[in-house]
Amino acid sequence: MAFDANGTHVLQKVLLCMKEEDIDFIFEPVLENFIDLSMDQNGLCVIKKIVSKVEGHDKRIRIGKILSENVVVLV
């Protein structure tokens, strides 16, 4: 869904309307597919929304770990 322009739009609206503790059903699959999503224009939009939405320490640590482990691929 995050690779499709319409699906991305829906996911972004859901992220906008929901509280952080209620977005795990989006957060977990995004983390599992983080690298592929980050290489896709639509997927990257979803990642940006999630990063801006997440305030919890554990979730930020998990995102940081993925970024640090894949820095060469992402650059």
PDB file of N, CA and C in Angstrom:
ATOM      1  N   MET A   1       0.813  -1.183   0.000  1.00  0.00           N
ATOM      2  CA  MET A   1       0.000   0.000   0.000  1.00  0.00           C
ATOM      3  C   MET A   1       0.871   1.266   0.000  1.00  0.00           C
ATOM      4  N   ALA A   2       2.004   1.215   0.659  1.00  0.00           N
ATOM      5  CA  ALA A   2       2.874   2.385   0.759  1.00  0.00           C
ATOM      6  C   ALA A   2       3.632   2.656  -0.534  1.00  0.00           C
ATOM      7  N   PHE A   3       3.642   1.710  -1.459  1.00  0.00           N
ATOM      8  CA  PHE A   3       4.320   1.923  -2.731  1.00  0.00           C
ATOM      9  C   PHE A   3       3.407   2.582  -3.764  1.00  0.00           C
ATOM     10  N   ASP A   4       2.138   2.645  -3.476  1.00  0.00           N
ATOM     11  CA  ASP A   4       1.142   3.199  -4.383  1.00  0.00           C
ATOM     12  C   ASP A   4       0.802   4.628  -3.970  1.00  0.00           C
ATOM     13  N   ALA A   5       0.656   5.525  -4.936  1.00  0.00           N
ATOM     14  CA  ALA A   5       0.375   6.929  -4.620  1.00  0.00           C
ATOM     15  C   ALA A   5      -0.924   7.082  -3.832  1.00  0.00           C
ATOM     16  N   ASN A   6      -1.958   6.367  -4.220  1.00  0.00           N
ATOM     17  CA  ASN A   6      -3.234   6.450  -3.494  1.00  0.00           C
ATOM     18  C   ASN A   6      -3.137   5.817  -2.112  1.00  0.00           C
ATOM     19  N   GLY A   7      -2.446   4.695  -2.021  1.00  0.00           N
ATOM     20  CA  GLY A   7      -2.253   4.038  -0.736  1.00  0.00           C
ATOM     21  C   GLY A   7      -1.439   4.890   0.223  1.00  0.00           C
ATOM     22  N   THR A   8      -0.433   5.550  -0.321  1.00  0.00           N
ATOM     23  CA  THR A   8       0.382   6.449   0.491  1.00  0.00           C
ATOM     24  C   THR A   8      -0.457   7.579   1.054  1.00  0.00           C
ATOM     25  N   HIS A   9      -1.334   8.110   0.218  1.00  0.00           N
ATOM     26  CA  HIS A   9      -2.225   9.187   0.664  1.00  0.00           C
ATOM     27  C   HIS A   9      -3.096   8.719   1.830  1.00  0.00           C
ATOM     28  N   VAL A  10      -3.645   7.530   1.717  1.00  0.00           N
ATOM     29  CA  VAL A  10      -4.488   6.972   2.780  1.00  0.00           C
ATOM     30  C   VAL A  10      -3.676   6.771   4.056  1.00  0.00           C
ATOM     31  N   LEU A  11      -2.492   6.180   3.929  1.00  0.00           N
ATOM     32  CA  LEU A  11      -1.645   5.947   5.105  1.00  0.00           C
ATOM     33  C   LEU A  11      -1.268   7.255   5.787  1.00  0.00           C
ATOM     34  N   GLN A  12      -0.971   8.273   5.005  1.00  0.00           N
ATOM     35  CA  GLN A  12      -0.604   9.560   5.594  1.00  0.00           C
ATOM     36  C   GLN A  12      -1.779  10.173   6.352  1.00  0.00           C
ATOM     37  N   LYS A  13      -2.981  10.027   5.827  1.00  0.00           N
ATOM     38  CA  LYS A  13      -4.173  10.543   6.519  1.00  0.00           C
ATOM     39  C   LYS A  13      -4.422   9.779   7.815  1.00  0.00           C
ATOM     40  N   VAL A  14      -4.249   8.465   7.761  1.00  0.00           N
ATOM     41  CA  VAL A  14      -4.418   7.643   8.964  1.00  0.00           C
ATOM     42  C   VAL A  14      -3.406   8.072  10.019  1.00  0.00           C
ATOM     43  N   LEU A  15      -2.148   8.264   9.613  1.00  0.00           N
ATOM     44  CA  LEU A  15      -1.109   8.682  10.551  1.00  0.00           C
ATOM     45  C   LEU A  15      -1.410  10.056  11.139  1.00  0.00           C
ATOM     46  N   LEU A  16      -1.994  10.907  10.351  1.00  0.00           N
ATOM     47  CA  LEU A  16      -2.336  12.250  10.807  1.00  0.00           C
ATOM     48  C   LEU A  16      -3.446  12.218  11.859  1.00  0.00           C
ATOM     49  N   CYS A  17      -4.383  11.314  11.685  1.00  0.00           N
ATOM     50  CA  CYS A  17      -5.576  11.281  12.548  1.00  0.00           C
ATOM     51  C   CYS A  17      -5.413  10.445  13.815  1.00  0.00           C
ATOM     52  N   MET A  18      -4.478   9.518  13.825  1.00  0.00           N
ATOM     53  CA  MET A  18      -4.369   8.587  14.941  1.00  0.00           C
ATOM     54  C   MET A  18      -3.258   8.996  15.911  1.00  0.00           C
ATOM     55  N   LYS A  19      -3.402   8.518  17.141  1.00  0.00           N
ATOM     56  CA  LYS A  19      -2.372   8.723  18.159  1.00  0.00           C
ATOM     57  C   LYS A  19      -1.229   7.745  17.911  1.00  0.00           C
ATOM     58  N   GLU A  20      -0.059   8.110  18.424  1.00  0.00           N
ATOM     59  CA  GLU A  20       1.122   7.274  18.206  1.00  0.00           C
ATOM     60  C   GLU A  20       0.915   5.839  18.684  1.00  0.00           C
ATOM     61  N   GLU A  21       0.287   5.674  19.815  1.00  0.00           N
ATOM     62  CA  GLU A  21       0.115   4.319  20.355  1.00  0.00           C
ATOM     63  C   GLU A  21      -0.840   3.465  19.525  1.00  0.00           C
ATOM     64  N   ASP A  22      -1.564   4.074  18.594  1.00  0.00           N
ATOM     65  CA  ASP A  22      -2.520   3.336  17.772  1.00  0.00           C
ATOM     66  C   ASP A  22      -2.012   3.033  16.363  1.00  0.00           C
ATOM     67  N   ILE A  23      -0.775   3.395  16.055  1.00  0.00           N
ATOM     68  CA  ILE A  23      -0.284   3.219  14.684  1.00  0.00           C
ATOM     69  C   ILE A  23       0.653   2.021  14.510  1.00  0.00           C
ATOM     70  N   ASP A  24       0.705   1.137  15.484  1.00  0.00           N
ATOM     71  CA  ASP A  24       1.605  -0.020  15.381  1.00  0.00           C
ATOM     72  C   ASP A  24       1.298  -0.888  14.163  1.00  0.00           C
ATOM     73  N   PHE A  25       0.039  -0.938  13.744  1.00  0.00           N
ATOM     74  CA  PHE A  25      -0.317  -1.759  12.588  1.00  0.00           C
ATOM     75  C   PHE A  25       0.293  -1.185  11.302  1.00  0.00           C
ATOM     76  N   ILE A  26       0.722   0.062  11.330  1.00  0.00           N
ATOM     77  CA  ILE A  26       1.441   0.662  10.207  1.00  0.00           C
ATOM     78  C   ILE A  26       2.946   0.667  10.495  1.00  0.00           C
ATOM     79  N   PHE A  27       3.311   0.990  11.721  1.00  0.00           N
ATOM     80  CA  PHE A  27       4.716   1.132  12.110  1.00  0.00           C
ATOM     81  C   PHE A  27       5.514  -0.153  11.883  1.00  0.00           C
ATOM     82  N   GLU A  28       5.000  -1.277  12.329  1.00  0.00           N
ATOM     83  CA  GLU A  28       5.745  -2.540  12.232  1.00  0.00           C
ATOM     84  C   GLU A  28       6.028  -2.947  10.783  1.00  0.00           C
ATOM     85  N   PRO A  29       5.028  -2.965   9.896  1.00  0.00           N
ATOM     86  CA  PRO A  29       5.332  -3.313   8.500  1.00  0.00           C
ATOM     87  C   PRO A  29       6.278  -2.311   7.823  1.00  0.00           C
ATOM     88  N   VAL A  30       6.184  -1.037   8.194  1.00  0.00           N
ATOM     89  CA  VAL A  30       7.090  -0.047   7.624  1.00  0.00           C
ATOM     90  C   VAL A  30       8.522  -0.345   8.047  1.00  0.00           C
ATOM     91  N   LEU A  31       8.728  -0.689   9.312  1.00  0.00           N
ATOM     92  CA  LEU A  31      10.079  -1.040   9.760  1.00  0.00           C
ATOM     93  C   LEU A  31      10.596  -2.290   9.060  1.00  0.00           C
ATOM     94  N   GLU A  32       9.726  -3.262   8.855  1.00  0.00           N
ATOM     95  CA  GLU A  32      10.130  -4.501   8.191  1.00  0.00           C
ATOM     96  C   GLU A  32      10.555  -4.254   6.746  1.00  0.00           C
ATOM     97  N   ASN A  33       9.987  -3.245   6.113  1.00  0.00           N
ATOM     98  CA  ASN A  33      10.261  -2.935   4.706  1.00  0.00           C
ATOM     99  C   ASN A  33      10.944  -1.584   4.543  1.00  0.00           C
ATOM    100  N   PHE A  34      11.627  -1.143   5.581  1.00  0.00           N
ATOM    101  CA  PHE A  34      12.165   0.214   5.645  1.00  0.00           C
ATOM    102  C   PHE A  34      13.062   0.560   4.456  1.00  0.00           C
ATOM    103  N   ILE A  35      13.989  -0.311   4.111  1.00  0.00           N
ATOM    104  CA  ILE A  35      14.945  -0.017   3.043  1.00  0.00           C
ATOM    105  C   ILE A  35      14.233   0.079   1.699  1.00  0.00           C
ATOM    106  N   ASP A  36      13.388  -0.891   1.393  1.00  0.00           N
ATOM    107  CA  ASP A  36      12.649  -0.843   0.127  1.00  0.00           C
ATOM    108  C   ASP A  36      11.763   0.396   0.046  1.00  0.00           C
ATOM    109  N   LEU A  37      11.090   0.718   1.144  1.00  0.00           N
ATOM    110  CA  LEU A  37      10.231   1.904   1.162  1.00  0.00           C
ATOM    111  C   LEU A  37      11.038   3.183   0.993  1.00  0.00           C
ATOM    112  N   SER A  38      12.199   3.237   1.604  1.00  0.00           N
ATOM    113  CA  SER A  38      13.009   4.448   1.528  1.00  0.00           C
ATOM    114  C   SER A  38      13.547   4.691   0.121  1.00  0.00           C
ATOM    115  N   MET A  39      13.599   3.657  -0.688  1.00  0.00           N
ATOM    116  CA  MET A  39      14.076   3.790  -2.069  1.00  0.00           C
ATOM    117  C   MET A  39      12.951   4.154  -3.037  1.00  0.00           C
ATOM    118  N   ASP A  40      11.727   4.193  -2.537  1.00  0.00           N
ATOM    119  CA  ASP A  40      10.550   4.480  -3.355  1.00  0.00           C
ATOM    120  C   ASP A  40       9.988   5.849  -2.974  1.00  0.00           C
ATOM    121  N   GLN A  41       9.626   6.646  -3.958  1.00  0.00           N
ATOM    122  CA  GLN A  41       9.130   7.998  -3.695  1.00  0.00           C
ATOM    123  C   GLN A  41       7.903   7.996  -2.778  1.00  0.00           C
ATOM    124  N   ASN A  42       6.952   7.121  -3.039  1.00  0.00           N
ATOM    125  CA  ASN A  42       5.746   7.055  -2.204  1.00  0.00           C
ATOM    126  C   ASN A  42       6.050   6.471  -0.830  1.00  0.00           C
ATOM    127  N   GLY A  43       6.870   5.446  -0.799  1.00  0.00           N
ATOM    128  CA  GLY A  43       7.238   4.833   0.467  1.00  0.00           C
ATOM    129  C   GLY A  43       7.989   5.795   1.369  1.00  0.00           C
ATOM    130  N   LEU A  44       8.834   6.612   0.776  1.00  0.00           N
ATOM    131  CA  LEU A  44       9.589   7.584   1.547  1.00  0.00           C
ATOM    132  C   LEU A  44       8.672   8.606   2.215  1.00  0.00           C
ATOM    133  N   CYS A  45       7.589   8.956   1.554  1.00  0.00           N
ATOM    134  CA  CYS A  45       6.614   9.881   2.160  1.00  0.00           C
ATOM    135  C   CYS A  45       6.010   9.280   3.426  1.00  0.00           C
ATOM    136  N   VAL A  46       5.713   7.996   3.383  1.00  0.00           N
ATOM    137  CA  VAL A  46       5.159   7.324   4.560  1.00  0.00           C
ATOM    138  C   VAL A  46       6.200   7.288   5.677  1.00  0.00           C
ATOM    139  N   ILE A  47       7.437   6.973   5.336  1.00  0.00           N
ATOM    140  CA  ILE A  47       8.496   6.953   6.344  1.00  0.00           C
ATOM    141  C   ILE A  47       8.644   8.326   6.997  1.00  0.00           C
ATOM    142  N   LYS A  48       8.630   9.369   6.211  1.00  0.00           N
ATOM    143  CA  LYS A  48       8.753  10.725   6.753  1.00  0.00           C
ATOM    144  C   LYS A  48       7.635  11.036   7.730  1.00  0.00           C
ATOM    145  N   LYS A  49       6.409  10.646   7.388  1.00  0.00           N
ATOM    146  CA  LYS A  49       5.269  10.893   8.277  1.00  0.00           C
ATOM    147  C   LYS A  49       5.422  10.122   9.579  1.00  0.00           C
ATOM    148  N   ILE A  50       5.862   8.872   9.481  1.00  0.00           N
ATOM    149  CA  ILE A  50       6.037   8.067  10.685  1.00  0.00           C
ATOM    150  C   ILE A  50       7.131   8.656  11.568  1.00  0.00           C
ATOM    151  N   VAL A  51       8.243   9.043  10.974  1.00  0.00           N
ATOM    152  CA  VAL A  51       9.344   9.619  11.751  1.00  0.00           C
ATOM    153  C   VAL A  51       8.884  10.891  12.454  1.00  0.00           C
ATOM    154  N   SER A  52       8.094  11.703  11.784  1.00  0.00           N
ATOM    155  CA  SER A  52       7.619  12.935  12.418  1.00  0.00           C
ATOM    156  C   SER A  52       6.554  12.668  13.479  1.00  0.00           C
ATOM    157  N   LYS A  53       5.853  11.548  13.369  1.00  0.00           N
ATOM    158  CA  LYS A  53       4.778  11.210  14.308  1.00  0.00           C
ATOM    159  C   LYS A  53       5.309  10.551  15.579  1.00  0.00           C
ATOM    160  N   VAL A  54       6.347   9.746  15.444  1.00  0.00           N
ATOM    161  CA  VAL A  54       6.856   8.937  16.546  1.00  0.00           C
ATOM    162  C   VAL A  54       7.598   9.807  17.558  1.00  0.00           C
ATOM    163  N   GLU A  55       7.186   9.692  18.799  1.00  0.00           N
ATOM    164  CA  GLU A  55       7.855  10.398  19.884  1.00  0.00           C
ATOM    165  C   GLU A  55       8.420   9.444  20.923  1.00  0.00           C
ATOM    166  N   GLY A  56       7.952   8.205  20.907  1.00  0.00           N
ATOM    167  CA  GLY A  56       8.403   7.214  21.882  1.00  0.00           C
ATOM    168  C   GLY A  56       9.866   6.846  21.694  1.00  0.00           C
ATOM    169  N   HIS A  57      10.578   6.754  22.798  1.00  0.00           N
ATOM    170  CA  HIS A  57      12.021   6.471  22.782  1.00  0.00           C
ATOM    171  C   HIS A  57      12.323   5.144  22.093  1.00  0.00           C
ATOM    172  N   ASP A  58      11.574   4.090  22.411  1.00  0.00           N
ATOM    173  CA  ASP A  58      11.847   2.768  21.844  1.00  0.00           C
ATOM    174  C   ASP A  58      11.699   2.765  20.324  1.00  0.00           C
ATOM    175  N   LYS A  59      10.661   3.413  19.838  1.00  0.00           N
ATOM    176  CA  LYS A  59      10.437   3.447  18.392  1.00  0.00           C
ATOM    177  C   LYS A  59      11.524   4.268  17.698  1.00  0.00           C
ATOM    178  N   ARG A  60      11.932   5.352  18.304  1.00  0.00           N
ATOM    179  CA  ARG A  60      13.007   6.172  17.710  1.00  0.00           C
ATOM    180  C   ARG A  60      14.324   5.392  17.680  1.00  0.00           C
ATOM    181  N   ILE A  61      14.586   4.621  18.722  1.00  0.00           N
ATOM    182  CA  ILE A  61      15.791   3.788  18.770  1.00  0.00           C
ATOM    183  C   ILE A  61      15.761   2.762  17.639  1.00  0.00           C
ATOM    184  N   ARG A  62      14.619   2.141  17.429  1.00  0.00           N
ATOM    185  CA  ARG A  62      14.493   1.132  16.368  1.00  0.00           C
ATOM    186  C   ARG A  62      14.720   1.742  14.986  1.00  0.00           C
ATOM    187  N   ILE A  63      14.175   2.931  14.766  1.00  0.00           N
ATOM    188  CA  ILE A  63      14.380   3.620  13.487  1.00  0.00           C
ATOM    189  C   ILE A  63      15.864   3.966  13.325  1.00  0.00           C
ATOM    190  N   GLY A  64      16.464   4.498  14.377  1.00  0.00           N
ATOM    191  CA  GLY A  64      17.885   4.846  14.336  1.00  0.00           C
ATOM    192  C   GLY A  64      18.770   3.646  14.061  1.00  0.00           C
ATOM    193  N   LYS A  65      18.422   2.521  14.633  1.00  0.00           N
ATOM    194  CA  LYS A  65      19.205   1.300  14.419  1.00  0.00           C
ATOM    195  C   LYS A  65      19.152   0.876  12.955  1.00  0.00           C
ATOM    196  N   ILE A  66      17.969   0.913  12.361  1.00  0.00           N
ATOM    197  CA  ILE A  66      17.832   0.562  10.947  1.00  0.00           C
ATOM    198  C   ILE A  66      18.648   1.526  10.087  1.00  0.00           C
ATOM    199  N   LEU A  67      18.567   2.811  10.399  1.00  0.00           N
ATOM    200  CA  LEU A  67      19.314   3.809   9.631  1.00  0.00           C
ATOM    201  C   LEU A  67      20.823   3.590   9.749  1.00  0.00           C
ATOM    202  N   SER A  68      21.298   3.355  10.965  1.00  0.00           N
ATOM    203  CA  SER A  68      22.742   3.193  11.159  1.00  0.00           C
ATOM    204  C   SER A  68      23.267   1.899  10.529  1.00  0.00           C
ATOM    205  N   GLU A  69      22.459   0.857  10.533  1.00  0.00           N
ATOM    206  CA  GLU A  69      22.885  -0.415   9.945  1.00  0.00           C
ATOM    207  C   GLU A  69      22.887  -0.375   8.418  1.00  0.00           C
ATOM    208  N   ASN A  70      22.137   0.556   7.834  1.00  0.00           N
ATOM    209  CA  ASN A  70      21.980   0.586   6.379  1.00  0.00           C
ATOM    210  C   ASN A  70      22.423   1.899   5.760  1.00  0.00           C
ATOM    211  N   VAL A  71      23.263   2.644   6.462  1.00  0.00           N
ATOM    212  CA  VAL A  71      23.661   3.968   6.007  1.00  0.00           C
ATOM    213  C   VAL A  71      24.300   3.942   4.616  1.00  0.00           C
ATOM    214  N   VAL A  72      25.116   2.943   4.331  1.00  0.00           N
ATOM    215  CA  VAL A  72      25.786   2.876   3.027  1.00  0.00           C
ATOM    216  C   VAL A  72      24.763   2.631   1.915  1.00  0.00           C
ATOM    217  N   VAL A  73      23.814   1.778   2.160  1.00  0.00           N
ATOM    218  CA  VAL A  73      22.786   1.480   1.157  1.00  0.00           C
ATOM    219  C   VAL A  73      21.905   2.703   0.907  1.00  0.00           C
ATOM    220  N   LEU A  74      21.623   3.439   1.964  1.00  0.00           N
ATOM    221  CA  LEU A  74      20.706   4.576   1.860  1.00  0.00           C
ATOM    222  C   LEU A  74      21.353   5.813   1.249  1.00  0.00           C
ATOM    223  N   VAL A  75      22.664   5.880   1.273  1.00  0.00           N
ATOM    224  CA  VAL A  75      23.355   7.049   0.700  1.00  0.00           C
ATOM    225  C   VAL A  75      23.526   6.796  -0.746  1.00  0.00           C
TER     226      VAL A  75
END
